[in-house]
């Protein structure tokens, strides 16, 4: 356990040996329910891998009011614990957090991002302020099941029938357990989910070696935004993992990260 700048306790685990790598989860994930756990196992023979519970999840604490800057401070505290300069990987909204952290000065050696869920064209409905307001109201009212359904239907853009069936899945309880943190992820991604191109020079400060990755079977809107992000980041590389979706398999991703982080 470490303390963030505002005193919030952040729970983490360390495994393996070698250069330090921090893995950042996306929405509704924490150490006990994350594919990053299997990814850490795959990377551990070559790296010292840090996984952690983002604030408000798992064994980590939470401090109100929330702001994206607090999550950047959490990452900074973990990076310091890991020895200073680290390699950083984020998935989904965790990729948005990792990107924001580096843009705001977090010192990293290399940055890898898997499918931050940005919307930069008309290939799917953009999200407006009303979505942010409604999701926030559901979370504030502890209406967790409704918050998850809204996030999955409008935020993720899943078909209504798929969302309706989710409550019968074994993972439904785990999703509801961290549903109150959905506005946290939304604060990180909503500015880039308006169906508009990225602002010119938005990430000019991100000059570290970067790799932007997507899955060959992911939705076209997401692949479009990932490709555009690779062009927007100075000197970034771009890889597509054939056969992969937004829920990427660690065995497909780990070799790519090992090569990039070496």
Protein backbone atom coordinates (compact mmCIF):
# COMPACT_ATOMS: atom_id res chain seq x y z
CA UNK A 1 0.00 0.00 0.00
CA UNK A 2 1.24 3.51 -0.86
CA UNK A 3 -0.17 6.97 -0.22
CA UNK A 4 -1.07 9.31 -3.05
CA UNK A 5 -0.46 13.06 -2.82
CA UNK A 6 -3.87 13.69 -1.24
CA UNK A 7 -3.38 10.89 1.30
CA UNK A 8 -5.52 8.30 -0.49
CA UNK A 9 -4.17 4.76 0.04
CA UNK A 10 -3.48 2.94 -3.23
CA UNK A 11 -3.15 -0.85 -3.16
CA UNK A 12 -0.71 -2.52 -5.52
CA UNK A 13 1.15 -5.74 -6.25
CA UNK A 14 4.62 -6.31 -7.66
CA UNK A 15 5.80 -9.38 -9.54
CA UNK A 16 8.83 -10.43 -11.56
CA UNK A 17 12.21 -8.83 -12.07
CA UNK A 18 13.74 -6.42 -14.53
CA UNK A 19 12.75 -2.93 -15.72
CA UNK A 20 9.61 -1.56 -14.06
CA UNK A 21 6.29 -1.75 -15.94
CA UNK A 22 3.01 -0.33 -14.59
CA UNK A 23 -0.28 -1.71 -15.94
CA UNK A 24 -3.36 0.56 -15.82
CA UNK A 25 -6.86 -0.94 -15.86
CA UNK A 26 -9.88 0.39 -17.69
CA UNK A 27 -13.43 0.94 -16.45
CA UNK A 28 -15.05 -1.53 -14.04
CA UNK A 29 -11.75 -3.38 -13.50
CA UNK A 30 -9.54 -3.87 -10.48
CA UNK A 31 -6.83 -6.33 -9.51
CA UNK A 32 -9.30 -9.06 -8.59
CA UNK A 33 -11.20 -8.91 -11.89
CA UNK A 34 -8.73 -7.75 -14.50
CA UNK A 35 -7.06 -9.33 -17.52
CA UNK A 36 -4.03 -7.28 -16.49
CA UNK A 37 -3.37 -9.95 -13.86
CA UNK A 38 -2.71 -12.56 -16.55
CA UNK A 39 -0.76 -9.99 -18.54
CA UNK A 40 1.44 -9.30 -15.51
CA UNK A 41 2.16 -13.01 -15.22
CA UNK A 42 3.18 -13.13 -18.88
CA UNK A 43 5.50 -10.12 -18.52
CA UNK A 44 7.01 -11.02 -15.14
CA UNK A 45 9.89 -13.17 -16.49
CA UNK A 46 11.31 -10.05 -18.17
CA UNK A 47 10.03 -7.11 -16.12
CA UNK A 48 9.10 -6.02 -12.62
CA UNK A 49 5.37 -5.58 -13.16
CA UNK A 50 3.15 -3.38 -11.01
CA UNK A 51 -0.62 -3.78 -10.98
CA UNK A 52 -2.80 -1.61 -8.76
CA UNK A 53 -6.37 -0.79 -7.80
CA UNK A 54 -7.33 2.58 -9.19
CA UNK A 55 -8.88 4.81 -6.53
CA UNK A 56 -12.34 3.80 -5.42
CA UNK A 57 -11.79 0.17 -6.43
CA UNK A 58 -10.68 -3.02 -4.74
CA UNK A 59 -8.49 -2.34 -1.73
CA UNK A 60 -7.63 1.26 -2.64
CA UNK A 61 -9.25 4.18 -0.88
CA UNK A 62 -11.11 7.12 -2.35
CA UNK A 63 -11.21 10.83 -1.58
CA UNK A 64 -13.83 13.27 -2.80
CA UNK A 65 -14.18 15.29 -4.88
CA UNK A 66 -12.81 13.28 -7.77
CA UNK A 67 -10.64 14.88 -10.45
CA UNK A 68 -8.49 13.26 -13.17
CA UNK A 69 -5.51 15.04 -11.61
CA UNK A 70 -5.86 12.85 -8.52
CA UNK A 71 -5.52 9.69 -10.61
CA UNK A 72 -2.43 11.13 -12.27
CA UNK A 73 -1.04 11.70 -8.78
CA UNK A 74 -1.80 8.07 -7.93
CA UNK A 75 0.24 6.95 -10.91
CA UNK A 76 3.05 9.31 -9.96
CA UNK A 77 3.17 7.84 -6.46
CA UNK A 78 3.32 4.31 -7.85
CA UNK A 79 6.01 5.29 -10.36
CA UNK A 80 8.08 6.72 -7.51
CA UNK A 81 7.60 3.48 -5.57
CA UNK A 82 8.81 1.61 -8.67
CA UNK A 83 12.03 3.60 -8.76
CA UNK A 84 11.25 6.67 -10.83
CA UNK A 85 11.15 6.23 -14.57
CA UNK A 86 8.94 3.34 -15.69
CA UNK A 87 7.36 1.77 -18.71
CA UNK A 88 3.62 2.40 -18.76
CA UNK A 89 0.77 0.41 -20.34
CA UNK A 90 -2.92 1.33 -20.24
CA UNK A 91 -5.97 -0.37 -21.67
CA UNK A 92 -9.30 1.26 -22.63
CA UNK A 93 -10.00 4.21 -20.32
CA UNK A 94 -6.83 3.21 -18.48
CA UNK A 95 -5.03 4.08 -21.72
CA UNK A 96 -6.67 7.50 -21.58
CA UNK A 97 -5.38 7.88 -18.01
CA UNK A 98 -1.87 6.78 -18.97
CA UNK A 99 -1.86 9.22 -21.90
CA UNK A 100 -3.06 12.09 -19.71
CA UNK A 101 -0.42 11.29 -17.10
CA UNK A 102 2.41 11.44 -19.61
CA UNK A 103 1.00 14.59 -21.19
CA UNK A 104 1.06 16.16 -17.72
CA UNK A 105 4.69 15.32 -17.10
CA UNK A 106 4.81 11.81 -15.62
CA UNK A 107 8.33 10.62 -16.46
CA UNK A 108 8.13 7.33 -18.34
CA UNK A 109 10.59 5.50 -20.56
CA UNK A 110 7.98 4.11 -22.95
CA UNK A 111 4.20 4.34 -23.31
CA UNK A 112 1.91 1.64 -24.72
CA UNK A 113 -1.82 2.18 -25.21
CA UNK A 114 -4.51 -0.35 -26.12
CA UNK A 115 -7.73 1.05 -27.57
CA UNK A 116 -8.58 4.17 -25.59
CA UNK A 117 -12.33 4.44 -26.35
CA UNK A 118 -12.30 7.76 -28.14
CA UNK A 119 -14.85 8.71 -30.83
CA UNK A 120 -13.42 10.92 -33.58
CA UNK A 121 -15.84 10.48 -36.48
CA UNK A 122 -19.44 9.58 -37.32
CA UNK A 123 -19.01 5.79 -37.38
CA UNK A 124 -20.81 5.58 -34.02
CA UNK A 125 -22.96 8.01 -32.01
CA UNK A 126 -20.96 10.64 -30.17
CA UNK A 127 -21.50 11.19 -26.46
CA UNK A 128 -22.88 14.49 -25.25
CA UNK A 129 -23.06 16.25 -21.92
CA UNK A 130 -26.41 14.61 -21.15
CA UNK A 131 -24.77 11.19 -20.96
CA UNK A 132 -22.17 12.48 -18.51
CA UNK A 133 -24.90 14.05 -16.37
CA UNK A 134 -27.12 10.97 -16.32
CA UNK A 135 -24.27 8.61 -15.50
CA UNK A 136 -23.11 10.89 -12.72
CA UNK A 137 -26.60 11.06 -11.25
CA UNK A 138 -26.97 7.27 -11.23
CA UNK A 139 -23.60 6.81 -9.57
CA UNK A 140 -24.30 9.50 -6.98
CA UNK A 141 -27.64 7.84 -6.19
CA UNK A 142 -25.98 4.44 -5.74
CA UNK A 143 -28.08 3.07 -8.63
CA UNK A 144 -25.26 0.78 -9.65
CA UNK A 145 -27.05 -1.63 -11.96
CA UNK A 146 -28.59 1.24 -13.91
CA UNK A 147 -25.21 2.96 -14.15
CA UNK A 148 -23.59 -0.17 -15.59
CA UNK A 149 -26.41 -0.61 -18.09
CA UNK A 150 -26.17 3.02 -19.25
CA UNK A 151 -22.40 2.76 -19.58
CA UNK A 152 -22.58 -0.46 -21.57
CA UNK A 153 -25.41 0.68 -23.81
CA UNK A 154 -24.38 4.26 -24.60
CA UNK A 155 -20.80 4.50 -23.42
CA UNK A 156 -19.56 1.23 -24.93
CA UNK A 157 -22.27 1.16 -27.65
CA UNK A 158 -23.24 -2.48 -27.07
CA UNK A 159 -26.53 -3.76 -28.52
CA UNK A 160 -29.50 -3.53 -26.15
CA UNK A 161 -30.03 -7.31 -26.11
CA UNK A 162 -26.40 -7.89 -25.04
CA UNK A 163 -26.72 -5.38 -22.22
CA UNK A 164 -30.01 -6.95 -21.09
CA UNK A 165 -28.34 -10.36 -20.81
CA UNK A 166 -25.37 -9.11 -18.83
CA UNK A 167 -27.20 -9.20 -15.51
CA UNK A 168 -27.27 -12.99 -15.78
CA UNK A 169 -23.49 -13.26 -16.17
CA UNK A 170 -21.28 -14.33 -13.22
CA UNK A 171 -19.31 -11.08 -13.46
CA UNK A 172 -22.38 -8.86 -12.98
CA UNK A 173 -21.83 -8.51 -9.23
CA UNK A 174 -18.21 -7.46 -9.72
CA UNK A 175 -19.23 -4.84 -12.25
CA UNK A 176 -21.79 -3.35 -9.87
CA UNK A 177 -19.24 -3.31 -7.04
CA UNK A 178 -17.19 -0.62 -8.81
CA UNK A 179 -19.99 1.07 -10.77
CA UNK A 180 -19.62 4.21 -8.63
CA UNK A 181 -16.26 4.84 -10.37
CA UNK A 182 -17.73 5.00 -13.89
CA UNK A 183 -17.88 8.82 -13.78
CA UNK A 184 -14.11 8.76 -13.11
CA UNK A 185 -13.46 6.98 -16.40
CA UNK A 186 -15.97 9.17 -18.18
CA UNK A 187 -14.14 12.31 -17.04
CA UNK A 188 -11.00 10.96 -18.72
CA UNK A 189 -12.55 10.00 -22.06
CA UNK A 190 -15.61 12.24 -22.58
CA UNK A 191 -13.65 15.18 -24.05
CA UNK A 192 -12.60 12.88 -26.90
CA UNK A 193 -15.93 11.15 -27.50
CA UNK A 194 -17.70 13.94 -29.36
CA UNK A 195 -17.26 12.58 -32.88
CA UNK A 196 -14.70 15.24 -33.72
CA UNK A 197 -11.05 14.95 -34.78
CA UNK A 198 -8.44 15.34 -32.06
CA UNK A 199 -7.51 18.98 -31.47
CA UNK A 200 -4.38 19.99 -33.32
CA UNK A 201 -1.31 19.57 -31.14
CA UNK A 202 -3.30 18.06 -28.26
CA UNK A 203 -0.49 15.70 -27.26
CA UNK A 204 2.54 17.58 -28.51
CA UNK A 205 4.10 17.13 -25.05
CA UNK A 206 4.02 13.33 -25.36
CA UNK A 207 7.45 12.88 -26.91
CA UNK A 208 8.44 9.57 -25.29
CA UNK A 209 8.51 6.45 -27.50
CA UNK A 210 4.89 5.33 -27.78
CA UNK A 211 3.03 2.39 -29.26
CA UNK A 212 -0.71 2.52 -29.99
CA UNK A 213 -2.41 -0.86 -30.41
CA UNK A 214 -5.82 -2.08 -31.53
CA UNK A 215 -7.52 -5.38 -32.29
CA UNK A 216 -8.35 -6.49 -35.80
CA UNK A 217 -11.86 -7.51 -34.71
CA UNK A 218 -12.62 -4.37 -32.70
CA UNK A 219 -15.40 -2.00 -33.85
CA UNK A 220 -14.51 0.24 -36.76
CA UNK A 221 -15.16 3.42 -34.78
CA UNK A 222 -12.57 2.36 -32.23
CA UNK A 223 -10.00 1.34 -34.82
CA UNK A 224 -10.49 4.67 -36.56
CA UNK A 225 -9.81 6.59 -33.35
CA UNK A 226 -6.77 4.45 -32.50
CA UNK A 227 -5.26 4.98 -35.93
CA UNK A 228 -5.86 8.71 -35.65
CA UNK A 229 -4.26 8.75 -32.21
CA UNK A 230 -1.13 7.06 -33.54
CA UNK A 231 -0.83 9.89 -36.07
CA UNK A 232 -1.49 12.54 -33.39
CA UNK A 233 1.28 11.34 -31.06
CA UNK A 234 4.73 12.51 -32.13
CA UNK A 235 6.67 9.52 -33.46
CA UNK A 236 4.24 6.87 -32.21
CA UNK A 237 4.10 3.38 -33.67
CA UNK A 238 0.85 1.59 -34.52
CA UNK A 239 0.12 -2.15 -34.32
CA UNK A 240 -3.00 -4.17 -35.01
CA UNK A 241 -3.37 -7.55 -33.31
CA UNK A 242 -5.14 -9.87 -35.74
CA UNK A 243 -8.17 -11.62 -34.31
CA UNK A 244 -8.31 -9.54 -31.15
CA UNK A 245 -11.20 -7.47 -29.78
CA UNK A 246 -11.38 -4.77 -27.11
CA UNK A 247 -10.95 -7.55 -24.52
CA UNK A 248 -7.48 -8.42 -25.73
CA UNK A 249 -5.97 -11.78 -24.84
CA UNK A 250 -2.76 -11.51 -22.80
CA UNK A 251 -1.05 -14.17 -24.89
CA UNK A 252 -1.54 -12.02 -28.00
CA UNK A 253 -0.52 -8.76 -26.35
CA UNK A 254 2.41 -9.82 -24.16
CA UNK A 255 4.90 -10.53 -26.99
CA UNK A 256 4.23 -7.08 -28.49
CA UNK A 257 4.76 -5.35 -25.15
CA UNK A 258 7.90 -7.36 -24.43
CA UNK A 259 9.41 -6.28 -27.73
CA UNK A 260 8.43 -2.64 -27.27
CA UNK A 261 9.45 -2.36 -23.62
CA UNK A 262 12.78 -4.18 -24.02
